PDB file of N, CA and C in Angstrom:
ATOM      1  N   UNK A   1      18.240 -19.947 -30.548  1.00  0.00           N
ATOM      2  CA  UNK A   1      17.177 -21.057 -30.311  1.00  0.00           C
ATOM      3  C   UNK A   1      17.650 -22.469 -31.219  1.00  0.00           C
ATOM      4  N   UNK A   2      17.283 -22.177 -32.576  1.00  0.00           N
ATOM      5  CA  UNK A   2      17.293 -22.924 -33.272  1.00  0.00           C
ATOM      6  C   UNK A   2      19.070 -23.789 -33.253  1.00  0.00           C
ATOM      7  N   UNK A   3      19.984 -22.908 -32.930  1.00  0.00           N
ATOM      8  CA  UNK A   3      21.121 -23.468 -32.800  1.00  0.00           C
ATOM      9  C   UNK A   3      21.469 -24.204 -31.976  1.00  0.00           C
ATOM     10  N   UNK A   4      20.347 -24.102 -31.073  1.00  0.00           N
ATOM     11  CA  UNK A   4      21.139 -25.408 -29.574  1.00  0.00           C
ATOM     12  C   UNK A   4      19.755 -25.812 -29.405  1.00  0.00           C
ATOM     13  N   UNK A   5      18.952 -26.250 -30.828  1.00  0.00           N
ATOM     14  CA  UNK A   5      17.841 -26.999 -30.012  1.00  0.00           C
ATOM     15  C   UNK A   5      17.931 -28.709 -29.606  1.00  0.00           C
ATOM     16  N   UNK A   6      19.114 -28.709 -30.084  1.00  0.00           N
ATOM     17  CA  UNK A   6      19.838 -30.254 -29.765  1.00  0.00           C
ATOM     18  C   UNK A   6      20.056 -30.083 -28.349  1.00  0.00           C
ATOM     19  N   UNK A   7      20.399 -29.410 -27.890  1.00  0.00           N
ATOM     20  CA  UNK A   7      21.203 -29.202 -26.336  1.00  0.00           C
ATOM     21  C   UNK A   7      19.586 -28.953 -25.697  1.00  0.00           C
ATOM     22  N   UNK A   8      18.836 -28.152 -26.001  1.00  0.00           N
ATOM     23  CA  UNK A   8      17.557 -27.910 -25.176  1.00  0.00           C
ATOM     24  C   UNK A   8      16.863 -29.181 -25.477  1.00  0.00           C
ATOM     25  N   UNK A   9      16.536 -30.072 -26.092  1.00  0.00           N
ATOM     26  CA  UNK A   9      16.159 -31.218 -25.993  1.00  0.00           C
ATOM     27  C   UNK A   9      16.547 -32.606 -24.951  1.00  0.00           C
ATOM     28  N   UNK A  10      17.648 -31.948 -24.803  1.00  0.00           N
ATOM     29  CA  UNK A  10      18.666 -33.258 -23.531  1.00  0.00           C
ATOM     30  C   UNK A  10      17.979 -33.242 -22.617  1.00  0.00           C
ATOM     31  N   UNK A  11      18.638 -33.749 -21.591  1.00  0.00           N
ATOM     32  CA  UNK A  11      18.441 -34.394 -20.058  1.00  0.00           C
ATOM     33  C   UNK A  11      17.808 -32.887 -19.429  1.00  0.00           C
ATOM     34  N   UNK A  12      16.744 -32.854 -18.835  1.00  0.00           N
ATOM     35  CA  UNK A  12      16.588 -31.273 -17.779  1.00  0.00           C
ATOM     36  C   UNK A  12      16.814 -31.424 -16.643  1.00  0.00           C
ATOM     37  N   UNK A  13      17.153 -30.661 -15.714  1.00  0.00           N
ATOM     38  CA  UNK A  13      17.081 -30.402 -14.391  1.00  0.00           C
ATOM     39  C   UNK A  13      15.571 -31.036 -13.641  1.00  0.00           C
ATOM     40  N   UNK A  14      15.628 -31.799 -12.400  1.00  0.00           N
ATOM     41  CA  UNK A  14      14.404 -32.333 -11.555  1.00  0.00           C
ATOM     42  C   UNK A  14      14.028 -31.533 -11.408  1.00  0.00           C
ATOM     43  N   UNK A  15      14.277 -30.048 -11.089  1.00  0.00           N
ATOM     44  CA  UNK A  15      13.350 -28.679 -10.474  1.00  0.00           C
ATOM     45  C   UNK A  15      12.469 -28.135 -11.870  1.00  0.00           C
ATOM     46  N   UNK A  16      13.152 -28.256 -13.347  1.00  0.00           N
ATOM     47  CA  UNK A  16      12.570 -27.827 -14.643  1.00  0.00           C
ATOM     48  C   UNK A  16      11.283 -28.736 -14.967  1.00  0.00           C
ATOM     49  N   UNK A  17      12.089 -30.457 -14.569  1.00  0.00           N
ATOM     50  CA  UNK A  17      10.823 -31.169 -14.991  1.00  0.00           C
ATOM     51  C   UNK A  17       9.578 -31.437 -13.412  1.00  0.00           C
ATOM     52  N   UNK A  18      10.085 -31.147 -12.012  1.00  0.00           N
ATOM     53  CA  UNK A  18       8.886 -31.030 -11.561  1.00  0.00           C
ATOM     54  C   UNK A  18       8.011 -29.981 -11.527  1.00  0.00           C
ATOM     55  N   UNK A  19       8.949 -28.567 -11.723  1.00  0.00           N
ATOM     56  CA  UNK A  19       7.652 -27.822 -12.937  1.00  0.00           C
ATOM     57  C   UNK A  19       6.596 -27.817 -13.420  1.00  0.00           C
ATOM     58  N   UNK A  20       7.402 -28.478 -14.597  1.00  0.00           N
ATOM     59  CA  UNK A  20       6.419 -28.784 -15.906  1.00  0.00           C
ATOM     60  C   UNK A  20       5.601 -30.251 -15.427  1.00  0.00           C
ATOM     61  N   UNK A  21       5.672 -31.026 -14.241  1.00  0.00           N
ATOM     62  CA  UNK A  21       4.673 -32.072 -14.171  1.00  0.00           C
ATOM     63  C   UNK A  21       3.689 -30.908 -13.035  1.00  0.00           C
ATOM     64  N   UNK A  22       3.668 -30.116 -12.894  1.00  0.00           N
ATOM     65  CA  UNK A  22       3.021 -29.530 -11.591  1.00  0.00           C
ATOM     66  C   UNK A  22       2.217 -27.956 -12.371  1.00  0.00           C
ATOM     67  N   UNK A  23       2.493 -27.899 -13.524  1.00  0.00           N
ATOM     68  CA  UNK A  23       2.058 -26.345 -13.813  1.00  0.00           C
ATOM     69  C   UNK A  23       0.485 -26.486 -14.460  1.00  0.00           C
ATOM     70  N   UNK A  24       0.281 -27.613 -14.639  1.00  0.00           N
ATOM     71  CA  UNK A  24      -1.095 -27.822 -14.808  1.00  0.00           C
ATOM     72  C   UNK A  24      -2.292 -28.516 -13.808  1.00  0.00           C
ATOM     73  N   UNK A  25      -1.602 -28.645 -12.726  1.00  0.00           N
ATOM     74  CA  UNK A  25      -2.527 -28.844 -11.854  1.00  0.00           C
ATOM     75  C   UNK A  25      -2.510 -27.879 -10.318  1.00  0.00           C
ATOM     76  N   UNK A  26      -1.590 -27.030 -10.530  1.00  0.00           N
ATOM     77  CA  UNK A  26      -1.409 -26.536  -8.820  1.00  0.00           C
ATOM     78  C   UNK A  26      -1.265 -24.954  -9.513  1.00  0.00           C
ATOM     79  N   UNK A  27      -2.077 -24.096  -8.916  1.00  0.00           N
ATOM     80  CA  UNK A  27      -2.165 -22.947  -9.456  1.00  0.00           C
ATOM     81  C   UNK A  27      -0.745 -22.075  -9.207  1.00  0.00           C
ATOM     82  N   UNK A  28      -0.430 -21.978  -8.271  1.00  0.00           N
ATOM     83  CA  UNK A  28       0.949 -21.408  -7.957  1.00  0.00           C
ATOM     84  C   UNK A  28       1.967 -21.981  -8.980  1.00  0.00           C
ATOM     85  N   UNK A  29       2.349 -23.038  -9.264  1.00  0.00           N
ATOM     86  CA  UNK A  29       2.997 -23.458 -10.848  1.00  0.00           C
ATOM     87  C   UNK A  29       2.701 -23.107 -11.762  1.00  0.00           C
ATOM     88  N   UNK A  30       1.343 -23.090 -12.122  1.00  0.00           N
ATOM     89  CA  UNK A  30       0.968 -21.844 -13.409  1.00  0.00           C
ATOM     90  C   UNK A  30       1.785 -20.679 -13.546  1.00  0.00           C
ATOM     91  N   UNK A  31       1.108 -20.327 -12.177  1.00  0.00           N
ATOM     92  CA  UNK A  31       2.175 -18.516 -12.124  1.00  0.00           C
ATOM     93  C   UNK A  31       2.945 -18.729 -12.415  1.00  0.00           C
ATOM     94  N   UNK A  32       4.030 -19.233 -12.286  1.00  0.00           N
ATOM     95  CA  UNK A  32       5.591 -19.321 -12.123  1.00  0.00           C
ATOM     96  C   UNK A  32       6.133 -19.695 -13.471  1.00  0.00           C
ATOM     97  N   UNK A  33       5.337 -20.811 -14.165  1.00  0.00           N
ATOM     98  CA  UNK A  33       5.903 -21.518 -15.596  1.00  0.00           C
ATOM     99  C   UNK A  33       5.120 -20.206 -16.338  1.00  0.00           C
ATOM    100  N   UNK A  34       3.780 -19.082 -16.568  1.00  0.00           N
ATOM    101  CA  UNK A  34       4.160 -18.447 -17.274  1.00  0.00           C
ATOM    102  C   UNK A  34       5.090 -17.411 -17.397  1.00  0.00           C
ATOM    103  N   UNK A  35       5.375 -17.080 -15.925  1.00  0.00           N
ATOM    104  CA  UNK A  35       6.221 -15.447 -15.867  1.00  0.00           C
ATOM    105  C   UNK A  35       7.394 -16.448 -16.536  1.00  0.00           C
ATOM    106  N   UNK A  36       7.771 -17.845 -16.146  1.00  0.00           N
ATOM    107  CA  UNK A  36       9.134 -18.171 -17.179  1.00  0.00           C
ATOM    108  C   UNK A  36       9.268 -17.906 -18.594  1.00  0.00           C
ATOM    109  N   UNK A  37       8.356 -18.518 -19.046  1.00  0.00           N
ATOM    110  CA  UNK A  37       7.806 -18.664 -20.208  1.00  0.00           C
ATOM    111  C   UNK A  37       7.481 -17.624 -21.297  1.00  0.00           C
ATOM    112  N   UNK A  38       6.473 -16.391 -20.492  1.00  0.00           N
ATOM    113  CA  UNK A  38       6.716 -15.363 -20.788  1.00  0.00           C
ATOM    114  C   UNK A  38       8.035 -14.245 -20.922  1.00  0.00           C
ATOM    115  N   UNK A  39       8.974 -14.589 -20.488  1.00  0.00           N
ATOM    116  CA  UNK A  39      10.380 -13.979 -20.020  1.00  0.00           C
ATOM    117  C   UNK A  39      11.147 -14.433 -21.556  1.00  0.00           C
ATOM    118  N   UNK A  40      10.636 -15.938 -21.587  1.00  0.00           N
ATOM    119  CA  UNK A  40      11.812 -16.363 -22.393  1.00  0.00           C
ATOM    120  C   UNK A  40      10.843 -15.958 -23.656  1.00  0.00           C
ATOM    121  N   UNK A  41       9.537 -15.703 -24.054  1.00  0.00           N
ATOM    122  CA  UNK A  41       8.897 -15.554 -25.258  1.00  0.00           C
ATOM    123  C   UNK A  41       9.075 -13.870 -25.746  1.00  0.00           C
ATOM    124  N   UNK A  42       9.023 -13.498 -24.821  1.00  0.00           N
ATOM    125  CA  UNK A  42       9.802 -11.728 -24.868  1.00  0.00           C
ATOM    126  C   UNK A  42      10.611 -11.768 -25.442  1.00  0.00           C
ATOM    127  N   UNK A  43      12.169 -12.749 -25.149  1.00  0.00           N
ATOM    128  CA  UNK A  43      13.261 -12.757 -25.567  1.00  0.00           C
ATOM    129  C   UNK A  43      13.719 -12.908 -26.843  1.00  0.00           C
ATOM    130  N   UNK A  44      12.489 -13.935 -27.055  1.00  0.00           N
ATOM    131  CA  UNK A  44      12.931 -14.323 -28.668  1.00  0.00           C
ATOM    132  C   UNK A  44      12.184 -13.775 -29.419  1.00  0.00           C
ATOM    133  N   UNK A  45      10.668 -12.952 -29.104  1.00  0.00           N
ATOM    134  CA  UNK A  45      10.034 -12.184 -29.843  1.00  0.00           C
ATOM    135  C   UNK A  45      10.973 -10.984 -30.128  1.00  0.00           C
ATOM    136  N   UNK A  46      12.047 -10.182 -29.427  1.00  0.00           N
ATOM    137  CA  UNK A  46      12.654  -9.733 -29.904  1.00  0.00           C
ATOM    138  C   UNK A  46      13.651  -9.551 -31.067  1.00  0.00           C
ATOM    139  N   UNK A  47      13.722 -10.893 -30.997  1.00  0.00           N
ATOM    140  CA  UNK A  47      15.167 -11.372 -32.413  1.00  0.00           C
ATOM    141  C   UNK A  47      13.793 -12.118 -33.822  1.00  0.00           C
ATOM    142  N   UNK A  48      12.433 -12.025 -33.758  1.00  0.00           N
ATOM    143  CA  UNK A  48      11.745 -12.429 -34.686  1.00  0.00           C
ATOM    144  C   UNK A  48      11.244 -10.999 -35.484  1.00  0.00           C
ATOM    145  N   UNK A  49      11.161 -11.187 -36.506  1.00  0.00           N
ATOM    146  CA  UNK A  49      10.695  -9.239 -37.274  1.00  0.00           C
ATOM    147  C   UNK A  49       9.343  -9.926 -37.313  1.00  0.00           C
ATOM    148  N   UNK A  50       8.938  -9.116 -37.269  1.00  0.00           N
ATOM    149  CA  UNK A  50       6.895  -8.275 -37.252  1.00  0.00           C
ATOM    150  C   UNK A  50       5.887  -8.059 -36.701  1.00  0.00           C
ATOM    151  N   UNK A  51       4.832  -7.954 -36.872  1.00  0.00           N
ATOM    152  CA  UNK A  51       4.168  -7.299 -35.766  1.00  0.00           C
ATOM    153  C   UNK A  51       3.650  -8.312 -34.937  1.00  0.00           C
ATOM    154  N   UNK A  52       3.546  -9.673 -35.850  1.00  0.00           N
ATOM    155  CA  UNK A  52       2.912 -10.752 -35.066  1.00  0.00           C
ATOM    156  C   UNK A  52       4.400 -11.715 -34.276  1.00  0.00           C
ATOM    157  N   UNK A  53       5.378 -10.825 -34.099  1.00  0.00           N
ATOM    158  CA  UNK A  53       6.909 -11.717 -33.456  1.00  0.00           C
ATOM    159  C   UNK A  53       6.771 -12.383 -32.283  1.00  0.00           C
ATOM    160  N   UNK A  54       5.267 -11.952 -31.481  1.00  0.00           N
ATOM    161  CA  UNK A  54       4.974 -12.635 -29.738  1.00  0.00           C
ATOM    162  C   UNK A  54       4.269 -13.618 -29.946  1.00  0.00           C
ATOM    163  N   UNK A  55       3.452 -13.699 -31.047  1.00  0.00           N
ATOM    164  CA  UNK A  55       2.759 -14.426 -31.214  1.00  0.00           C
ATOM    165  C   UNK A  55       3.289 -15.591 -32.132  1.00  0.00           C
ATOM    166  N   UNK A  56       4.403 -15.404 -32.827  1.00  0.00           N
ATOM    167  CA  UNK A  56       5.330 -16.782 -33.060  1.00  0.00           C
ATOM    168  C   UNK A  56       6.265 -17.069 -32.723  1.00  0.00           C
ATOM    169  N   UNK A  57       6.980 -15.956 -31.405  1.00  0.00           N
ATOM    170  CA  UNK A  57       7.801 -16.527 -30.636  1.00  0.00           C
ATOM    171  C   UNK A  57       6.832 -17.502 -29.554  1.00  0.00           C
ATOM    172  N   UNK A  58       5.699 -17.284 -29.002  1.00  0.00           N
ATOM    173  CA  UNK A  58       4.934 -17.964 -28.360  1.00  0.00           C
ATOM    174  C   UNK A  58       4.582 -19.764 -29.169  1.00  0.00           C
ATOM    175  N   UNK A  59       4.243 -19.639 -30.268  1.00  0.00           N
ATOM    176  CA  UNK A  59       4.495 -21.081 -30.688  1.00  0.00           C
ATOM    177  C   UNK A  59       5.415 -21.440 -31.310  1.00  0.00           C
ATOM    178  N   UNK A  60       6.635 -20.692 -31.003  1.00  0.00           N
ATOM    179  CA  UNK A  60       7.739 -21.810 -31.223  1.00  0.00           C
ATOM    180  C   UNK A  60       7.798 -22.410 -29.722  1.00  0.00           C
ATOM    181  N   UNK A  61       7.930 -21.595 -28.537  1.00  0.00           N
ATOM    182  CA  UNK A  61       8.056 -21.842 -26.979  1.00  0.00           C
ATOM    183  C   UNK A  61       6.941 -23.447 -26.860  1.00  0.00           C
ATOM    184  N   UNK A  62       5.764 -23.145 -27.017  1.00  0.00           N
ATOM    185  CA  UNK A  62       4.713 -24.206 -27.183  1.00  0.00           C
ATOM    186  C   UNK A  62       5.196 -25.547 -28.172  1.00  0.00           C
ATOM    187  N   UNK A  63       5.558 -25.463 -29.271  1.00  0.00           N
ATOM    188  CA  UNK A  63       6.209 -26.125 -30.081  1.00  0.00           C
ATOM    189  C   UNK A  63       7.651 -26.686 -29.285  1.00  0.00           C
ATOM    190  N   UNK A  64       8.167 -26.444 -28.661  1.00  0.00           N
ATOM    191  CA  UNK A  64       9.257 -26.960 -27.756  1.00  0.00           C
ATOM    192  C   UNK A  64       8.932 -27.274 -26.561  1.00  0.00           C
ATOM    193  N   UNK A  65       8.592 -26.875 -25.998  1.00  0.00           N
ATOM    194  CA  UNK A  65       7.508 -27.398 -24.389  1.00  0.00           C
ATOM    195  C   UNK A  65       6.445 -28.571 -24.590  1.00  0.00           C
ATOM    196  N   UNK A  66       6.038 -29.074 -25.865  1.00  0.00           N
ATOM    197  CA  UNK A  66       5.197 -29.799 -26.086  1.00  0.00           C
ATOM    198  C   UNK A  66       5.916 -31.286 -26.477  1.00  0.00           C
ATOM    199  N   UNK A  67       7.233 -31.022 -27.287  1.00  0.00           N
ATOM    200  CA  UNK A  67       8.324 -31.840 -27.711  1.00  0.00           C
ATOM    201  C   UNK A  67       8.566 -31.791 -26.105  1.00  0.00           C
ATOM    202  N   UNK A  68       8.629 -31.264 -25.423  1.00  0.00           N
ATOM    203  CA  UNK A  68       9.695 -31.912 -23.985  1.00  0.00           C
ATOM    204  C   UNK A  68       8.987 -32.618 -23.252  1.00  0.00           C
ATOM    205  N   UNK A  69       7.722 -32.205 -23.433  1.00  0.00           N
ATOM    206  CA  UNK A  69       7.121 -32.914 -22.111  1.00  0.00           C
ATOM    207  C   UNK A  69       6.391 -34.470 -22.761  1.00  0.00           C
ATOM    208  N   UNK A  70       6.456 -34.323 -24.228  1.00  0.00           N
ATOM    209  CA  UNK A  70       6.172 -35.517 -24.662  1.00  0.00           C
ATOM    210  C   UNK A  70       7.590 -36.712 -24.614  1.00  0.00           C
ATOM    211  N   UNK A  71       8.919 -36.284 -24.826  1.00  0.00           N
ATOM    212  CA  UNK A  71       9.915 -36.858 -24.448  1.00  0.00           C
ATOM    213  C   UNK A  71      10.589 -37.236 -23.234  1.00  0.00           C
ATOM    214  N   UNK A  72      10.546 -35.991 -21.968  1.00  0.00           N
ATOM    215  CA  UNK A  72      11.010 -36.288 -21.033  1.00  0.00           C
ATOM    216  C   UNK A  72       9.785 -36.430 -20.015  1.00  0.00           C
ATOM    217  N   UNK A  73       8.752 -36.494 -20.285  1.00  0.00           N
ATOM    218  CA  UNK A  73       7.913 -36.618 -19.414  1.00  0.00           C
ATOM    219  C   UNK A  73       6.756 -37.627 -19.424  1.00  0.00           C
ATOM    220  N   UNK A  74       6.412 -38.123 -20.516  1.00  0.00           N
ATOM    221  CA  UNK A  74       5.466 -38.969 -21.250  1.00  0.00           C
ATOM    222  C   UNK A  74       6.216 -40.493 -21.610  1.00  0.00           C
ATOM    223  N   UNK A  75       7.653 -39.936 -21.894  1.00  0.00           N
ATOM    224  CA  UNK A  75       8.375 -40.813 -22.838  1.00  0.00           C
ATOM    225  C   UNK A  75       6.958 -41.812 -23.884  1.00  0.00           C
ATOM    226  N   UNK A  76       6.977 -40.856 -24.876  1.00  0.00           N
ATOM    227  CA  UNK A  76       6.418 -41.494 -25.973  1.00  0.00           C
ATOM    228  C   UNK A  76       7.108 -42.382 -26.552  1.00  0.00           C
ATOM    229  N   UNK A  77       6.474 -43.743 -26.725  1.00  0.00           N
ATOM    230  CA  UNK A  77       7.254 -44.626 -27.802  1.00  0.00           C
ATOM    231  C   UNK A  77       8.020 -43.948 -29.108  1.00  0.00           C
ATOM    232  N   UNK A  78       7.222 -43.277 -29.649  1.00  0.00           N
ATOM    233  CA  UNK A  78       7.502 -42.636 -31.180  1.00  0.00           C
ATOM    234  C   UNK A  78       8.805 -41.658 -30.655  1.00  0.00           C
ATOM    235  N   UNK A  79       9.275 -41.307 -29.700  1.00  0.00           N
ATOM    236  CA  UNK A  79      10.264 -40.013 -29.149  1.00  0.00           C
ATOM    237  C   UNK A  79      11.737 -40.886 -28.471  1.00  0.00           C
ATOM    238  N   UNK A  80      10.819 -42.176 -27.686  1.00  0.00           N
ATOM    239  CA  UNK A  80      12.242 -42.886 -27.045  1.00  0.00           C
ATOM    240  C   UNK A  80      13.133 -43.041 -27.920  1.00  0.00           C
ATOM    241  N   UNK A  81      14.249 -42.639 -27.291  1.00  0.00           N
ATOM    242  CA  UNK A  81      15.244 -43.704 -27.830  1.00  0.00           C
ATOM    243  C   UNK A  81      16.201 -42.624 -29.170  1.00  0.00           C
ATOM    244  N   UNK A  82      15.159 -41.712 -29.677  1.00  0.00           N
ATOM    245  CA  UNK A  82      15.411 -41.036 -30.922  1.00  0.00           C
ATOM    246  C   UNK A  82      16.387 -40.328 -30.908  1.00  0.00           C
ATOM    247  N   UNK A  83      17.643 -39.898 -31.213  1.00  0.00           N
ATOM    248  CA  UNK A  83      18.679 -39.161 -31.203  1.00  0.00           C
ATOM    249  C   UNK A  83      17.977 -37.256 -30.915  1.00  0.00           C
ATOM    250  N   UNK A  84      18.475 -36.936 -29.965  1.00  0.00           N
ATOM    251  CA  UNK A  84      17.849 -34.998 -29.998  1.00  0.00           C
ATOM    252  C   UNK A  84      18.151 -34.694 -31.469  1.00  0.00           C
ATOM    253  N   UNK A  85      19.688 -35.248 -32.152  1.00  0.00           N
ATOM    254  CA  UNK A  85      19.892 -34.044 -33.033  1.00  0.00           C
ATOM    255  C   UNK A  85      19.044 -34.177 -34.344  1.00  0.00           C
ATOM    256  N   UNK A  86      18.329 -35.592 -34.439  1.00  0.00           N
ATOM    257  CA  UNK A  86      16.916 -36.066 -35.171  1.00  0.00           C
ATOM    258  C   UNK A  86      15.980 -35.339 -34.963  1.00  0.00           C
ATOM    259  N   UNK A  87      15.655 -34.982 -33.794  1.00  0.00           N
ATOM    260  CA  UNK A  87      14.258 -34.185 -33.600  1.00  0.00           C
ATOM    261  C   UNK A  87      14.809 -33.078 -33.363  1.00  0.00           C
ATOM    262  N   UNK A  88      15.594 -32.197 -33.650  1.00  0.00           N
ATOM    263  CA  UNK A  88      16.007 -31.296 -33.878  1.00  0.00           C
ATOM    264  C   UNK A  88      16.196 -30.880 -35.691  1.00  0.00           C
ATOM    265  N   UNK A  89      17.079 -31.807 -36.419  1.00  0.00           N
ATOM    266  CA  UNK A  89      16.676 -31.527 -37.637  1.00  0.00           C
ATOM    267  C   UNK A  89      15.190 -31.432 -38.000  1.00  0.00           C
ATOM    268  N   UNK A  90      14.355 -32.384 -37.385  1.00  0.00           N
ATOM    269  CA  UNK A  90      13.002 -32.305 -37.936  1.00  0.00           C
ATOM    270  C   UNK A  90      11.805 -31.371 -38.000  1.00  0.00           C
ATOM    271  N   UNK A  91      12.433 -30.814 -36.774  1.00  0.00           N
ATOM    272  CA  UNK A  91      11.796 -29.880 -35.931  1.00  0.00           C
ATOM    273  C   UNK A  91      12.344 -28.459 -36.698  1.00  0.00           C
ATOM    274  N   UNK A  92      13.806 -28.670 -37.013  1.00  0.00           N
ATOM    275  CA  UNK A  92      14.341 -26.538 -37.409  1.00  0.00           C
ATOM    276  C   UNK A  92      13.584 -26.480 -38.756  1.00  0.00           C
ATOM    277  N   UNK A  93      12.997 -26.754 -39.690  1.00  0.00           N
ATOM    278  CA  UNK A  93      11.902 -26.177 -40.757  1.00  0.00           C
ATOM    279  C   UNK A  93      10.941 -25.942 -40.263  1.00  0.00           C
ATOM    280  N   UNK A  94      10.167 -26.240 -39.592  1.00  0.00           N
ATOM    281  CA  UNK A  94       9.030 -25.656 -38.680  1.00  0.00           C
ATOM    282  C   UNK A  94       9.369 -24.535 -38.080  1.00  0.00           C
ATOM    283  N   UNK A  95      10.319 -24.469 -37.112  1.00  0.00           N
ATOM    284  CA  UNK A  95      10.363 -23.629 -36.325  1.00  0.00           C
ATOM    285  C   UNK A  95      11.574 -22.186 -37.231  1.00  0.00           C
ATOM    286  N   UNK A  96      12.161 -22.314 -38.000  1.00  0.00           N
ATOM    287  CA  UNK A  96      12.992 -21.679 -38.894  1.00  0.00           C
ATOM    288  C   UNK A  96      11.229 -20.580 -39.517  1.00  0.00           C
ATOM    289  N   UNK A  97      10.726 -21.474 -40.183  1.00  0.00           N
ATOM    290  CA  UNK A  97       9.393 -20.616 -41.090  1.00  0.00           C
ATOM    291  C   UNK A  97       8.580 -19.814 -40.048  1.00  0.00           C
ATOM    292  N   UNK A  98       8.646 -20.098 -39.048  1.00  0.00           N
ATOM    293  CA  UNK A  98       7.819 -19.617 -37.575  1.00  0.00           C
ATOM    294  C   UNK A  98       8.489 -18.146 -37.167  1.00  0.00           C
ATOM    295  N   UNK A  99       9.764 -18.454 -37.306  1.00  0.00           N
ATOM    296  CA  UNK A  99      10.840 -17.049 -37.249  1.00  0.00           C
ATOM    297  C   UNK A  99      10.768 -15.947 -38.329  1.00  0.00           C
ATOM    298  N   UNK A 100      10.168 -16.578 -39.437  1.00  0.00           N
ATOM    299  CA  UNK A 100      10.292 -15.704 -40.897  1.00  0.00           C
ATOM    300  C   UNK A 100      12.030 -15.974 -41.182  1.00  0.00           C
ATOM    301  N   UNK A 101      12.367 -16.844 -41.075  1.00  0.00           N
ATOM    302  CA  UNK A 101      14.037 -17.151 -41.732  1.00  0.00           C
ATOM    303  C   UNK A 101      14.234 -17.559 -42.933  1.00  0.00           C
ATOM    304  N   UNK A 102      12.975 -17.530 -43.503  1.00  0.00           N
ATOM    305  CA  UNK A 102      13.065 -17.213 -45.270  1.00  0.00           C
ATOM    306  C   UNK A 102      13.178 -15.720 -45.638  1.00  0.00           C
ATOM    307  N   UNK A 103      12.987 -14.662 -44.532  1.00  0.00           N
ATOM    308  CA  UNK A 103      12.452 -13.065 -44.704  1.00  0.00           C
ATOM    309  C   UNK A 103      14.379 -12.572 -44.033  1.00  0.00           C
ATOM    310  N   UNK A 104      14.924 -13.454 -43.915  1.00  0.00           N
ATOM    311  CA  UNK A 104      16.045 -12.958 -43.220  1.00  0.00           C
ATOM    312  C   UNK A 104      16.067 -12.694 -41.680  1.00  0.00           C
ATOM    313  N   UNK A 105      15.509 -13.260 -40.921  1.00  0.00           N
ATOM    314  CA  UNK A 105      14.869 -13.365 -39.530  1.00  0.00           C
ATOM    315  C   UNK A 105      16.662 -12.698 -38.898  1.00  0.00           C
ATOM    316  N   UNK A 106      16.592 -12.492 -37.697  1.00  0.00           N
ATOM    317  CA  UNK A 106      17.839 -12.107 -36.792  1.00  0.00           C
ATOM    318  C   UNK A 106      18.913 -13.548 -36.909  1.00  0.00           C
ATOM    319  N   UNK A 107      19.817 -13.484 -36.423  1.00  0.00           N
ATOM    320  CA  UNK A 107      21.003 -14.335 -36.012  1.00  0.00           C
ATOM    321  C   UNK A 107      20.898 -15.064 -34.419  1.00  0.00           C
ATOM    322  N   UNK A 108      19.778 -14.663 -33.708  1.00  0.00           N
ATOM    323  CA  UNK A 108      19.617 -15.131 -32.620  1.00  0.00           C
ATOM    324  C   UNK A 108      19.060 -16.359 -32.697  1.00  0.00           C
ATOM    325  N   UNK A 109      18.156 -16.265 -33.974  1.00  0.00           N
ATOM    326  CA  UNK A 109      17.511 -17.630 -33.720  1.00  0.00           C
ATOM    327  C   UNK A 109      17.910 -18.261 -35.207  1.00  0.00           C
ATOM    328  N   UNK A 110      18.710 -18.163 -35.680  1.00  0.00           N
ATOM    329  CA  UNK A 110      18.858 -18.630 -36.980  1.00  0.00           C
ATOM    330  C   UNK A 110      20.139 -19.655 -36.897  1.00  0.00           C
TER     331      UNK A 110
END
């Protein structure tokens, strides 16, 4: 995840943006979003050491979701025009800390 952070901040497909717009107001979209996010959290948690791996994986995913919403849907002034690489550079330390990176996290997230 950390290796592709800049890519993940890039332009999303319209279908992904549509799901993100509707997930807070339409129950069916919320169910779909929870399923997709749950699967991504499961995969990420497998690469994160520790008993609380699923919680830390969920925090990583929600950080990325929040940044994506702010960047792609809300077009926040503070994020507009900032190169994806710069956002990724600033996010990496916090995401790495959540992986337990200092404790030798798996290569899938480093």
